[in-house]
Amino acid sequence: ISDSDEGDVRSHYTDSVKGRFTIARDDAKNTVYLQMNNLKPEDTAV
Protein backbone atom coordinates (compact mmCIF):
# COMPACT_ATOMS: atom_id res chain seq x y z
CA ILE A 1 0.00 0.00 0.00
CA SER A 2 1.35 3.41 -0.92
CA ASP A 3 1.90 6.32 1.42
CA SER A 4 -1.12 8.49 2.24
CA ASP A 5 0.57 11.89 2.33
CA GLU A 6 -0.96 12.97 -1.01
CA GLY A 7 -4.35 11.46 -0.16
CA ASP A 8 -4.56 8.99 -3.08
CA VAL A 9 -3.69 5.62 -1.62
CA ARG A 10 -2.89 2.74 -3.98
CA SER A 11 -2.65 -0.93 -3.19
CA HIS A 12 -1.51 -4.04 -5.01
CA TYR A 13 -1.95 -7.77 -4.48
CA THR A 14 -0.27 -10.84 -5.80
CA ASP A 15 -2.65 -12.92 -7.90
CA SER A 16 -2.89 -15.79 -5.44
CA VAL A 17 -4.45 -13.59 -2.73
CA LYS A 18 -6.66 -11.28 -4.81
CA GLY A 19 -10.21 -11.37 -3.55
CA ARG A 20 -9.16 -12.96 -0.26
CA PHE A 21 -6.73 -10.49 1.31
CA THR A 22 -7.24 -6.78 1.93
CA ILE A 23 -4.58 -4.29 2.93
CA ALA A 24 -5.54 -1.11 4.74
CA ARG A 25 -3.82 1.62 6.67
CA ASP A 26 -4.87 3.59 9.75
CA ASP A 27 -2.42 6.44 10.02
CA ALA A 28 -4.01 7.70 13.22
CA LYS A 29 -2.91 4.43 14.80
CA ASN A 30 0.34 4.25 12.78
CA THR A 31 -0.72 0.77 11.69
CA VAL A 32 -1.20 -1.16 8.46
CA TYR A 33 -3.45 -4.20 8.45
CA LEU A 34 -3.63 -7.28 6.26
CA GLN A 35 -7.04 -8.90 6.51
CA MET A 36 -6.77 -12.48 5.30
CA ASN A 37 -9.96 -14.40 4.56
CA ASN A 38 -10.60 -17.85 3.14
CA LEU A 39 -7.12 -18.93 4.13
CA LYS A 40 -5.59 -21.92 2.41
CA PRO A 41 -2.79 -24.28 3.49
CA GLU A 42 -0.54 -22.71 0.87
CA ASP A 43 -0.81 -19.40 2.74
CA THR A 44 1.26 -20.92 5.54
CA ALA A 45 4.41 -18.85 5.97
CA VAL A 46 6.14 -16.27 8.10
ModelCIF file with pLDDT and N, C-alpha, C, O atoms, coordinates in Angstrom:
data_MODEL
#
_entry.id   MODEL 
#
_entity.id                         1 
_entity.type                       polymer 
_entity.pdbx_number_of_molecules   1 
#
_entity_poly.entity_id                      1 
_entity_poly.type                           'polypeptide(L)' 
_entity_poly.nstd_linkage                   no 
_entity_poly.nstd_monomer                   no 
_entity_poly.pdbx_seq_one_letter_code       ISDSDEGDVRSHYTDSVKGRFTIARDDAKNTVYLQMNNLKPEDTAV 
_entity_poly.pdbx_seq_one_letter_code_can   ISDSDEGDVRSHYTDSVKGRFTIARDDAKNTVYLQMNNLKPEDTAV 
_entity_poly.pdbx_strand_id                 A 
#
loop_
_entity_poly_seq.entity_id 
_entity_poly_seq.num 
_entity_poly_seq.mon_id 
_entity_poly_seq.hetero 
1 1  ILE n 
1 2  SER n 
1 3  ASP n 
1 4  SER n 
1 5  ASP n 
1 6  GLU n 
1 7  GLY n 
1 8  ASP n 
1 9  VAL n 
1 10 ARG n 
1 11 SER n 
1 12 HIS n 
1 13 TYR n 
1 14 THR n 
1 15 ASP n 
1 16 SER n 
1 17 VAL n 
1 18 LYS n 
1 19 GLY n 
1 20 ARG n 
1 21 PHE n 
1 22 THR n 
1 23 ILE n 
1 24 ALA n 
1 25 ARG n 
1 26 ASP n 
1 27 ASP n 
1 28 ALA n 
1 29 LYS n 
1 30 ASN n 
1 31 THR n 
1 32 VAL n 
1 33 TYR n 
1 34 LEU n 
1 35 GLN n 
1 36 MET n 
1 37 ASN n 
1 38 ASN n 
1 39 LEU n 
1 40 LYS n 
1 41 PRO n 
1 42 GLU n 
1 43 ASP n 
1 44 THR n 
1 45 ALA n 
1 46 VAL n 
#
_struct_asym.id          A 
_struct_asym.entity_id   1 
#
loop_
_ma_qa_metric.id 
_ma_qa_metric.mode 
_ma_qa_metric.name 
_ma_qa_metric.software_group_id 
_ma_qa_metric.type 
1 global pLDDT . pLDDT 
2 local  pLDDT . pLDDT 
#
_ma_qa_metric_global.metric_id      1 
_ma_qa_metric_global.metric_value   94.70 
_ma_qa_metric_global.model_id       1 
_ma_qa_metric_global.ordinal_id     1 
#
loop_
_ma_qa_metric_local.label_asym_id 
_ma_qa_metric_local.label_comp_id 
_ma_qa_metric_local.label_seq_id 
_ma_qa_metric_local.metric_id 
_ma_qa_metric_local.metric_value 
_ma_qa_metric_local.model_id 
_ma_qa_metric_local.ordinal_id 
A ILE 1  2 97.00 1 1  
A SER 2  2 95.00 1 2  
A ASP 3  2 91.00 1 3  
A SER 4  2 88.00 1 4  
A ASP 5  2 82.00 1 5  
A GLU 6  2 76.00 1 6  
A GLY 7  2 74.00 1 7  
A ASP 8  2 85.00 1 8  
A VAL 9  2 92.00 1 9  
A ARG 10 2 93.00 1 10 
A SER 11 2 95.00 1 11 
A HIS 12 2 96.00 1 12 
A TYR 13 2 97.00 1 13 
A THR 14 2 97.00 1 14 
A ASP 15 2 97.00 1 15 
A SER 16 2 96.00 1 16 
A VAL 17 2 97.00 1 17 
A LYS 18 2 97.00 1 18 
A GLY 19 2 97.00 1 19 
A ARG 20 2 98.00 1 20 
A PHE 21 2 98.00 1 21 
A THR 22 2 98.00 1 22 
A ILE 23 2 98.00 1 23 
A ALA 24 2 97.00 1 24 
A ARG 25 2 96.00 1 25 
A ASP 26 2 95.00 1 26 
A ASP 27 2 91.00 1 27 
A ALA 28 2 92.00 1 28 
A LYS 29 2 95.00 1 29 
A ASN 30 2 95.00 1 30 
A THR 31 2 97.00 1 31 
A VAL 32 2 98.00 1 32 
A TYR 33 2 98.00 1 33 
A LEU 34 2 98.00 1 34 
A GLN 35 2 98.00 1 35 
A MET 36 2 98.00 1 36 
A ASN 37 2 98.00 1 37 
A ASN 38 2 98.00 1 38 
A LEU 39 2 98.00 1 39 
A LYS 40 2 98.00 1 40 
A PRO 41 2 96.00 1 41 
A GLU 42 2 96.00 1 42 
A ASP 43 2 97.00 1 43 
A THR 44 2 97.00 1 44 
A ALA 45 2 98.00 1 45 
A VAL 46 2 98.00 1 46 
#
loop_
_atom_site.group_PDB 
_atom_site.id 
_atom_site.type_symbol 
_atom_site.label_atom_id 
_atom_site.label_alt_id 
_atom_site.label_comp_id 
_atom_site.label_asym_id 
_atom_site.label_entity_id 
_atom_site.label_seq_id 
_atom_site.pdbx_PDB_ins_code 
_atom_site.Cartn_x 
_atom_site.Cartn_y 
_atom_site.Cartn_z 
_atom_site.occupancy 
_atom_site.B_iso_or_equiv 
_atom_site.pdbx_formal_charge 
_atom_site.auth_seq_id 
_atom_site.auth_comp_id 
_atom_site.auth_asym_id 
_atom_site.auth_atom_id 
_atom_site.pdbx_PDB_model_num 
ATOM 1   N N  . ILE A 1 1  ? 0.849   -1.176  0.000  1.00 97.00 ? 1  ILE A N  1 
ATOM 2   C CA . ILE A 1 1  ? 0.000   0.000   0.000  1.00 97.00 ? 1  ILE A CA 1 
ATOM 3   C C  . ILE A 1 1  ? 0.891   1.233   0.000  1.00 97.00 ? 1  ILE A C  1 
ATOM 4   O O  . ILE A 1 1  ? 1.890   1.290   0.716  1.00 97.00 ? 1  ILE A O  1 
ATOM 5   N N  . SER A 1 2  ? 0.522   2.211   -0.803 1.00 95.00 ? 2  SER A N  1 
ATOM 6   C CA . SER A 1 2  ? 1.345   3.406   -0.922 1.00 95.00 ? 2  SER A CA 1 
ATOM 7   C C  . SER A 1 2  ? 1.192   4.302   0.300  1.00 95.00 ? 2  SER A C  1 
ATOM 8   O O  . SER A 1 2  ? 0.332   4.071   1.150  1.00 95.00 ? 2  SER A O  1 
ATOM 9   N N  . ASP A 1 3  ? 2.038   5.332   0.378  1.00 91.00 ? 3  ASP A N  1 
ATOM 10  C CA . ASP A 1 3  ? 1.896   6.325   1.422  1.00 91.00 ? 3  ASP A CA 1 
ATOM 11  C C  . ASP A 1 3  ? 0.561   7.050   1.253  1.00 91.00 ? 3  ASP A C  1 
ATOM 12  O O  . ASP A 1 3  ? -0.087  6.954   0.211  1.00 91.00 ? 3  ASP A O  1 
ATOM 13  N N  . SER A 1 4  ? 0.164   7.779   2.300  1.00 88.00 ? 4  SER A N  1 
ATOM 14  C CA . SER A 1 4  ? -1.115  8.490   2.242  1.00 88.00 ? 4  SER A CA 1 
ATOM 15  C C  . SER A 1 4  ? -0.941  10.005  2.310  1.00 88.00 ? 4  SER A C  1 
ATOM 16  O O  . SER A 1 4  ? -1.910  10.742  2.491  1.00 88.00 ? 4  SER A O  1 
ATOM 17  N N  . ASP A 1 5  ? 0.300   10.462  2.164  1.00 82.00 ? 5  ASP A N  1 
ATOM 18  C CA . ASP A 1 5  ? 0.569   11.887  2.325  1.00 82.00 ? 5  ASP A CA 1 
ATOM 19  C C  . ASP A 1 5  ? -0.164  12.731  1.292  1.00 82.00 ? 5  ASP A C  1 
ATOM 20  O O  . ASP A 1 5  ? -0.614  13.836  1.596  1.00 82.00 ? 5  ASP A O  1 
ATOM 21  N N  . GLU A 1 6  ? -0.288  12.206  0.053  1.00 76.00 ? 6  GLU A N  1 
ATOM 22  C CA . GLU A 1 6  ? -0.957  12.967  -1.006 1.00 76.00 ? 6  GLU A CA 1 
ATOM 23  C C  . GLU A 1 6  ? -2.432  12.665  -1.072 1.00 76.00 ? 6  GLU A C  1 
ATOM 24  O O  . GLU A 1 6  ? -3.143  13.259  -1.882 1.00 76.00 ? 6  GLU A O  1 
ATOM 25  N N  . GLY A 1 7  ? -2.922  11.745  -0.232 1.00 74.00 ? 7  GLY A N  1 
ATOM 26  C CA . GLY A 1 7  ? -4.346  11.460  -0.163 1.00 74.00 ? 7  GLY A CA 1 
ATOM 27  C C  . GLY A 1 7  ? -4.821  10.338  -1.047 1.00 74.00 ? 7  GLY A C  1 
ATOM 28  O O  . GLY A 1 7  ? -5.840  9.722   -0.736 1.00 74.00 ? 7  GLY A O  1 
ATOM 29  N N  . ASP A 1 8  ? -4.132  10.035  -2.146 1.00 85.00 ? 8  ASP A N  1 
ATOM 30  C CA . ASP A 1 8  ? -4.562  8.990   -3.081 1.00 85.00 ? 8  ASP A CA 1 
ATOM 31  C C  . ASP A 1 8  ? -3.772  7.735   -2.781 1.00 85.00 ? 8  ASP A C  1 
ATOM 32  O O  . ASP A 1 8  ? -2.625  7.598   -3.206 1.00 85.00 ? 8  ASP A O  1 
ATOM 33  N N  . VAL A 1 9  ? -4.380  6.824   -2.052 1.00 92.00 ? 9  VAL A N  1 
ATOM 34  C CA . VAL A 1 9  ? -3.688  5.619   -1.620 1.00 92.00 ? 9  VAL A CA 1 
ATOM 35  C C  . VAL A 1 9  ? -3.905  4.504   -2.636 1.00 92.00 ? 9  VAL A C  1 
ATOM 36  O O  . VAL A 1 9  ? -5.030  4.250   -3.064 1.00 92.00 ? 9  VAL A O  1 
ATOM 37  N N  . ARG A 1 10 ? -2.820  3.845   -3.013 1.00 93.00 ? 10 ARG A N  1 
ATOM 38  C CA . ARG A 1 10 ? -2.892  2.744   -3.976 1.00 93.00 ? 10 ARG A CA 1 
ATOM 39  C C  . ARG A 1 10 ? -2.439  1.462   -3.314 1.00 93.00 ? 10 ARG A C  1 
ATOM 40  O O  . ARG A 1 10 ? -1.571  1.471   -2.442 1.00 93.00 ? 10 ARG A O  1 
ATOM 41  N N  . SER A 1 11 ? -3.032  0.362   -3.734 1.00 95.00 ? 11 SER A N  1 
ATOM 42  C CA . SER A 1 11 ? -2.647  -0.929  -3.187 1.00 95.00 ? 11 SER A CA 1 
ATOM 43  C C  . SER A 1 11 ? -2.515  -1.950  -4.311 1.00 95.00 ? 11 SER A C  1 
ATOM 44  O O  . SER A 1 11 ? -3.104  -1.806  -5.382 1.00 95.00 ? 11 SER A O  1 
ATOM 45  N N  . HIS A 1 12 ? -1.734  -2.974  -4.039 1.00 96.00 ? 12 HIS A N  1 
ATOM 46  C CA . HIS A 1 12 ? -1.514  -4.042  -5.015 1.00 96.00 ? 12 HIS A CA 1 
ATOM 47  C C  . HIS A 1 12 ? -1.517  -5.380  -4.293 1.00 96.00 ? 12 HIS A C  1 
ATOM 48  O O  . HIS A 1 12 ? -1.191  -5.467  -3.108 1.00 96.00 ? 12 HIS A O  1 
ATOM 49  N N  . TYR A 1 13 ? -1.891  -6.426  -5.032 1.00 97.00 ? 13 TYR A N  1 
ATOM 50  C CA . TYR A 1 13 ? -1.954  -7.770  -4.477 1.00 97.00 ? 13 TYR A CA 1 
ATOM 51  C C  . TYR A 1 13 ? -1.349  -8.754  -5.464 1.00 97.00 ? 13 TYR A C  1 
ATOM 52  O O  . TYR A 1 13 ? -1.477  -8.595  -6.678 1.00 97.00 ? 13 TYR A O  1 
ATOM 53  N N  . THR A 1 14 ? -0.694  -9.764  -4.931 1.00 97.00 ? 14 THR A N  1 
ATOM 54  C CA . THR A 1 14 ? -0.275  -10.844 -5.798 1.00 97.00 ? 14 THR A CA 1 
ATOM 55  C C  . THR A 1 14 ? -1.510  -11.649 -6.200 1.00 97.00 ? 14 THR A C  1 
ATOM 56  O O  . THR A 1 14 ? -2.494  -11.695 -5.462 1.00 97.00 ? 14 THR A O  1 
ATOM 57  N N  . ASP A 1 15 ? -1.454  -12.274 -7.357 1.00 97.00 ? 15 ASP A N  1 
ATOM 58  C CA . ASP A 1 15 ? -2.648  -12.916 -7.904 1.00 97.00 ? 15 ASP A CA 1 
ATOM 59  C C  . ASP A 1 15 ? -3.242  -13.961 -6.972 1.00 97.00 ? 15 ASP A C  1 
ATOM 60  O O  . ASP A 1 15 ? -4.462  -14.111 -6.909 1.00 97.00 ? 15 ASP A O  1 
ATOM 61  N N  . SER A 1 16 ? -2.401  -14.681 -6.254 1.00 96.00 ? 16 SER A N  1 
ATOM 62  C CA . SER A 1 16 ? -2.894  -15.791 -5.442 1.00 96.00 ? 16 SER A CA 1 
ATOM 63  C C  . SER A 1 16 ? -3.725  -15.340 -4.244 1.00 96.00 ? 16 SER A C  1 
ATOM 64  O O  . SER A 1 16 ? -4.406  -16.160 -3.629 1.00 96.00 ? 16 SER A O  1 
ATOM 65  N N  . VAL A 1 17 ? -3.683  -14.064 -3.903 1.00 97.00 ? 17 VAL A N  1 
ATOM 66  C CA . VAL A 1 17 ? -4.446  -13.594 -2.733 1.00 97.00 ? 17 VAL A CA 1 
ATOM 67  C C  . VAL A 1 17 ? -5.546  -12.604 -3.112 1.00 97.00 ? 17 VAL A C  1 
ATOM 68  O O  . VAL A 1 17 ? -6.317  -12.179 -2.252 1.00 97.00 ? 17 VAL A O  1 
ATOM 69  N N  . LYS A 1 18 ? -5.623  -12.235 -4.382 1.00 97.00 ? 18 LYS A N  1 
ATOM 70  C CA . LYS A 1 18 ? -6.658  -11.284 -4.805 1.00 97.00 ? 18 LYS A CA 1 
ATOM 71  C C  . LYS A 1 18 ? -8.040  -11.828 -4.492 1.00 97.00 ? 18 LYS A C  1 
ATOM 72  O O  . LYS A 1 18 ? -8.347  -12.988 -4.765 1.00 97.00 ? 18 LYS A O  1 
ATOM 73  N N  . GLY A 1 19 ? -8.865  -10.970 -3.915 1.00 97.00 ? 19 GLY A N  1 
ATOM 74  C CA . GLY A 1 19 ? -10.210 -11.368 -3.549 1.00 97.00 ? 19 GLY A CA 1 
ATOM 75  C C  . GLY A 1 19 ? -10.301 -12.023 -2.181 1.00 97.00 ? 19 GLY A C  1 
ATOM 76  O O  . GLY A 1 19 ? -11.399 -12.236 -1.667 1.00 97.00 ? 19 GLY A O  1 
ATOM 77  N N  . ARG A 1 20 ? -9.166  -12.342 -1.590 1.00 98.00 ? 20 ARG A N  1 
ATOM 78  C CA . ARG A 1 20 ? -9.158  -12.963 -0.261 1.00 98.00 ? 20 ARG A CA 1 
ATOM 79  C C  . ARG A 1 20 ? -8.492  -12.066 0.779  1.00 98.00 ? 20 ARG A C  1 
ATOM 80  O O  . ARG A 1 20 ? -8.914  -12.038 1.935  1.00 98.00 ? 20 ARG A O  1 
ATOM 81  N N  . PHE A 1 21 ? -7.475  -11.349 0.383  1.00 98.00 ? 21 PHE A N  1 
ATOM 82  C CA . PHE A 1 21 ? -6.726  -10.487 1.305  1.00 98.00 ? 21 PHE A CA 1 
ATOM 83  C C  . PHE A 1 21 ? -7.044  -9.024  1.019  1.00 98.00 ? 21 PHE A C  1 
ATOM 84  O O  . PHE A 1 21 ? -7.281  -8.636  -0.125 1.00 98.00 ? 21 PHE A O  1 
ATOM 85  N N  . THR A 1 22 ? -7.043  -8.224  2.073  1.00 98.00 ? 22 THR A N  1 
ATOM 86  C CA . THR A 1 22 ? -7.243  -6.782  1.932  1.00 98.00 ? 22 THR A CA 1 
ATOM 87  C C  . THR A 1 22 ? -6.228  -6.053  2.797  1.00 98.00 ? 22 THR A C  1 
ATOM 88  O O  . THR A 1 22 ? -6.082  -6.344  3.984  1.00 98.00 ? 22 THR A O  1 
ATOM 89  N N  . ILE A 1 23 ? -5.534  -5.111  2.192  1.00 98.00 ? 23 ILE A N  1 
ATOM 90  C CA . ILE A 1 23 ? -4.580  -4.288  2.928  1.00 98.00 ? 23 ILE A CA 1 
ATOM 91  C C  . ILE A 1 23 ? -5.221  -2.929  3.190  1.00 98.00 ? 23 ILE A C  1 
ATOM 92  O O  . ILE A 1 23 ? -5.924  -2.381  2.341  1.00 98.00 ? 23 ILE A O  1 
ATOM 93  N N  . ALA A 1 24 ? -4.965  -2.403  4.375  1.00 97.00 ? 24 ALA A N  1 
ATOM 94  C CA . ALA A 1 24 ? -5.538  -1.108  4.737  1.00 97.00 ? 24 ALA A CA 1 
ATOM 95  C C  . ALA A 1 24 ? -4.605  -0.423  5.726  1.00 97.00 ? 24 ALA A C  1 
ATOM 96  O O  . ALA A 1 24 ? -3.860  -1.074  6.459  1.00 97.00 ? 24 ALA A O  1 
ATOM 97  N N  . ARG A 1 25 ? -4.662  0.893   5.729  1.00 96.00 ? 25 ARG A N  1 
ATOM 98  C CA . ARG A 1 25 ? -3.823  1.617   6.668  1.00 96.00 ? 25 ARG A CA 1 
ATOM 99  C C  . ARG A 1 25 ? -4.658  2.531   7.549  1.00 96.00 ? 25 ARG A C  1 
ATOM 100 O O  . ARG A 1 25 ? -5.653  3.098   7.097  1.00 96.00 ? 25 ARG A O  1 
ATOM 101 N N  . ASP A 1 26 ? -4.255  2.675   8.806  1.00 95.00 ? 26 ASP A N  1 
ATOM 102 C CA . ASP A 1 26 ? -4.875  3.585   9.746  1.00 95.00 ? 26 ASP A CA 1 
ATOM 103 C C  . ASP A 1 26 ? -3.746  4.457   10.284 1.00 95.00 ? 26 ASP A C  1 
ATOM 104 O O  . ASP A 1 26 ? -3.071  4.097   11.249 1.00 95.00 ? 26 ASP A O  1 
ATOM 105 N N  . ASP A 1 27 ? -3.556  5.593   9.652  1.00 91.00 ? 27 ASP A N  1 
ATOM 106 C CA . ASP A 1 27 ? -2.419  6.437   10.016 1.00 91.00 ? 27 ASP A CA 1 
ATOM 107 C C  . ASP A 1 27 ? -2.574  7.040   11.407 1.00 91.00 ? 27 ASP A C  1 
ATOM 108 O O  . ASP A 1 27 ? -1.580  7.364   12.057 1.00 91.00 ? 27 ASP A O  1 
ATOM 109 N N  . ALA A 1 28 ? -3.803  7.191   11.864 1.00 92.00 ? 28 ALA A N  1 
ATOM 110 C CA . ALA A 1 28 ? -4.010  7.696   13.218 1.00 92.00 ? 28 ALA A CA 1 
ATOM 111 C C  . ALA A 1 28 ? -3.444  6.731   14.243 1.00 92.00 ? 28 ALA A C  1 
ATOM 112 O O  . ALA A 1 28 ? -3.005  7.140   15.318 1.00 92.00 ? 28 ALA A O  1 
ATOM 113 N N  . LYS A 1 29 ? -3.457  5.447   13.906 1.00 95.00 ? 29 LYS A N  1 
ATOM 114 C CA . LYS A 1 29 ? -2.907  4.426   14.796 1.00 95.00 ? 29 LYS A CA 1 
ATOM 115 C C  . LYS A 1 29 ? -1.516  3.983   14.366 1.00 95.00 ? 29 LYS A C  1 
ATOM 116 O O  . LYS A 1 29 ? -0.923  3.096   14.978 1.00 95.00 ? 29 LYS A O  1 
ATOM 117 N N  . ASN A 1 30 ? -0.992  4.611   13.298 1.00 95.00 ? 30 ASN A N  1 
ATOM 118 C CA . ASN A 1 30 ? 0.338   4.249   12.785 1.00 95.00 ? 30 ASN A CA 1 
ATOM 119 C C  . ASN A 1 30 ? 0.431   2.751   12.492 1.00 95.00 ? 30 ASN A C  1 
ATOM 120 O O  . ASN A 1 30 ? 1.432   2.104   12.800 1.00 95.00 ? 30 ASN A O  1 
ATOM 121 N N  . THR A 1 31 ? -0.625  2.218   11.894 1.00 97.00 ? 31 THR A N  1 
ATOM 122 C CA . THR A 1 31 ? -0.722  0.772   11.693 1.00 97.00 ? 31 THR A CA 1 
ATOM 123 C C  . THR A 1 31 ? -1.245  0.459   10.296 1.00 97.00 ? 31 THR A C  1 
ATOM 124 O O  . THR A 1 31 ? -2.122  1.145   9.771  1.00 97.00 ? 31 THR A O  1 
ATOM 125 N N  . VAL A 1 32 ? -0.686  -0.592  9.710  1.00 98.00 ? 32 VAL A N  1 
ATOM 126 C CA . VAL A 1 32 ? -1.197  -1.158  8.459  1.00 98.00 ? 32 VAL A CA 1 
ATOM 127 C C  . VAL A 1 32 ? -1.683  -2.567  8.759  1.00 98.00 ? 32 VAL A C  1 
ATOM 128 O O  . VAL A 1 32 ? -1.030  -3.329  9.473  1.00 98.00 ? 32 VAL A O  1 
ATOM 129 N N  . TYR A 1 33 ? -2.832  -2.895  8.205  1.00 98.00 ? 33 TYR A N  1 
ATOM 130 C CA . TYR A 1 33 ? -3.446  -4.199  8.447  1.00 98.00 ? 33 TYR A CA 1 
ATOM 131 C C  . TYR A 1 33 ? -3.456  -5.033  7.177  1.00 98.00 ? 33 TYR A C  1 
ATOM 132 O O  . TYR A 1 33 ? -3.504  -4.506  6.065  1.00 98.00 ? 33 TYR A O  1 
ATOM 133 N N  . LEU A 1 34 ? -3.408  -6.337  7.365  1.00 98.00 ? 34 LEU A N  1 
ATOM 134 C CA . LEU A 1 34 ? -3.626  -7.278  6.265  1.00 98.00 ? 34 LEU A CA 1 
ATOM 135 C C  . LEU A 1 34 ? -4.717  -8.232  6.720  1.00 98.00 ? 34 LEU A C  1 
ATOM 136 O O  . LEU A 1 34 ? -4.475  -9.139  7.518  1.00 98.00 ? 34 LEU A O  1 
ATOM 137 N N  . GLN A 1 35 ? -5.916  -8.018  6.207  1.00 98.00 ? 35 GLN A N  1 
ATOM 138 C CA . GLN A 1 35 ? -7.036  -8.905  6.507  1.00 98.00 ? 35 GLN A CA 1 
ATOM 139 C C  . GLN A 1 35 ? -6.985  -10.087 5.559  1.00 98.00 ? 35 GLN A C  1 
ATOM 140 O O  . GLN A 1 35 ? -7.008  -9.914  4.341  1.00 98.00 ? 35 GLN A O  1 
ATOM 141 N N  . MET A 1 36 ? -6.916  -11.270 6.105  1.00 98.00 ? 36 MET A N  1 
ATOM 142 C CA . MET A 1 36 ? -6.769  -12.485 5.301  1.00 98.00 ? 36 MET A CA 1 
ATOM 143 C C  . MET A 1 36 ? -7.976  -13.377 5.526  1.00 98.00 ? 36 MET A C  1 
ATOM 144 O O  . MET A 1 36 ? -8.183  -13.889 6.626  1.00 98.00 ? 36 MET A O  1 
ATOM 145 N N  . ASN A 1 37 ? -8.761  -13.558 4.496  1.00 98.00 ? 37 ASN A N  1 
ATOM 146 C CA . ASN A 1 37 ? -9.958  -14.397 4.559  1.00 98.00 ? 37 ASN A CA 1 
ATOM 147 C C  . ASN A 1 37 ? -9.794  -15.623 3.679  1.00 98.00 ? 37 ASN A C  1 
ATOM 148 O O  . ASN A 1 37 ? -8.933  -15.667 2.800  1.00 98.00 ? 37 ASN A O  1 
ATOM 149 N N  . ASN A 1 38 ? -10.634 -16.616 3.930  1.00 98.00 ? 38 ASN A N  1 
ATOM 150 C CA . ASN A 1 38 ? -10.602 -17.846 3.139  1.00 98.00 ? 38 ASN A CA 1 
ATOM 151 C C  . ASN A 1 38 ? -9.174  -18.382 3.012  1.00 98.00 ? 38 ASN A C  1 
ATOM 152 O O  . ASN A 1 38 ? -8.699  -18.677 1.915  1.00 98.00 ? 38 ASN A O  1 
ATOM 153 N N  . LEU A 1 39 ? -8.517  -18.498 4.142  1.00 98.00 ? 39 LEU A N  1 
ATOM 154 C CA . LEU A 1 39 ? -7.124  -18.930 4.132  1.00 98.00 ? 39 LEU A CA 1 
ATOM 155 C C  . LEU A 1 39 ? -6.982  -20.363 3.651  1.00 98.00 ? 39 LEU A C  1 
ATOM 156 O O  . LEU A 1 39 ? -7.845  -21.208 3.889  1.00 98.00 ? 39 LEU A O  1 
ATOM 157 N N  . LYS A 1 40 ? -5.880  -20.613 2.973  1.00 98.00 ? 40 LYS A N  1 
ATOM 158 C CA . LYS A 1 40 ? -5.586  -21.917 2.408  1.00 98.00 ? 40 LYS A CA 1 
ATOM 159 C C  . LYS A 1 40 ? -4.270  -22.444 2.981  1.00 98.00 ? 40 LYS A C  1 
ATOM 160 O O  . LYS A 1 40 ? -3.446  -21.653 3.441  1.00 98.00 ? 40 LYS A O  1 
ATOM 161 N N  . PRO A 1 41 ? -4.059  -23.735 2.965  1.00 96.00 ? 41 PRO A N  1 
ATOM 162 C CA . PRO A 1 41 ? -2.791  -24.283 3.488  1.00 96.00 ? 41 PRO A CA 1 
ATOM 163 C C  . PRO A 1 41 ? -1.568  -23.656 2.815  1.00 96.00 ? 41 PRO A C  1 
ATOM 164 O O  . PRO A 1 41 ? -0.524  -23.497 3.447  1.00 96.00 ? 41 PRO A O  1 
ATOM 165 N N  . GLU A 1 42 ? -1.694  -23.306 1.557  1.00 96.00 ? 42 GLU A N  1 
ATOM 166 C CA . GLU A 1 42 ? -0.544  -22.708 0.866  1.00 96.00 ? 42 GLU A CA 1 
ATOM 167 C C  . GLU A 1 42 ? -0.250  -21.284 1.311  1.00 96.00 ? 42 GLU A C  1 
ATOM 168 O O  . GLU A 1 42 ? 0.747   -20.702 0.884  1.00 96.00 ? 42 GLU A O  1 
ATOM 169 N N  . ASP A 1 43 ? -1.092  -20.716 2.158  1.00 97.00 ? 43 ASP A N  1 
ATOM 170 C CA . ASP A 1 43 ? -0.811  -19.400 2.739  1.00 97.00 ? 43 ASP A CA 1 
ATOM 171 C C  . ASP A 1 43 ? 0.103   -19.509 3.955  1.00 97.00 ? 43 ASP A C  1 
ATOM 172 O O  . ASP A 1 43 ? 0.542   -18.494 4.495  1.00 97.00 ? 43 ASP A O  1 
ATOM 173 N N  . THR A 1 44 ? 0.389   -20.726 4.383  1.00 97.00 ? 44 THR A N  1 
ATOM 174 C CA . THR A 1 44 ? 1.255   -20.924 5.541  1.00 97.00 ? 44 THR A CA 1 
ATOM 175 C C  . THR A 1 44 ? 2.648   -20.376 5.270  1.00 97.00 ? 44 THR A C  1 
ATOM 176 O O  . THR A 1 44 ? 3.293   -20.750 4.290  1.00 97.00 ? 44 THR A O  1 
ATOM 177 N N  . ALA A 1 45 ? 3.104   -19.496 6.137  1.00 98.00 ? 45 ALA A N  1 
ATOM 178 C CA . ALA A 1 45 ? 4.411   -18.846 5.971  1.00 98.00 ? 45 ALA A CA 1 
ATOM 179 C C  . ALA A 1 45 ? 4.647   -17.914 7.150  1.00 98.00 ? 45 ALA A C  1 
ATOM 180 O O  . ALA A 1 45 ? 3.756   -17.665 7.962  1.00 98.00 ? 45 ALA A O  1 
ATOM 181 N N  . VAL A 1 46 ? 5.858   -17.414 7.219  1.00 98.00 ? 46 VAL A N  1 
ATOM 182 C CA . VAL A 1 46 ? 6.142   -16.274 8.098  1.00 98.00 ? 46 VAL A CA 1 
ATOM 183 C C  . VAL A 1 46 ? 5.860   -15.012 7.288  1.00 98.00 ? 46 VAL A C  1 
ATOM 184 O O  . VAL A 1 46 ? 6.021   -13.903 7.798  1.00 98.00 ? 46 VAL A O  1 
#
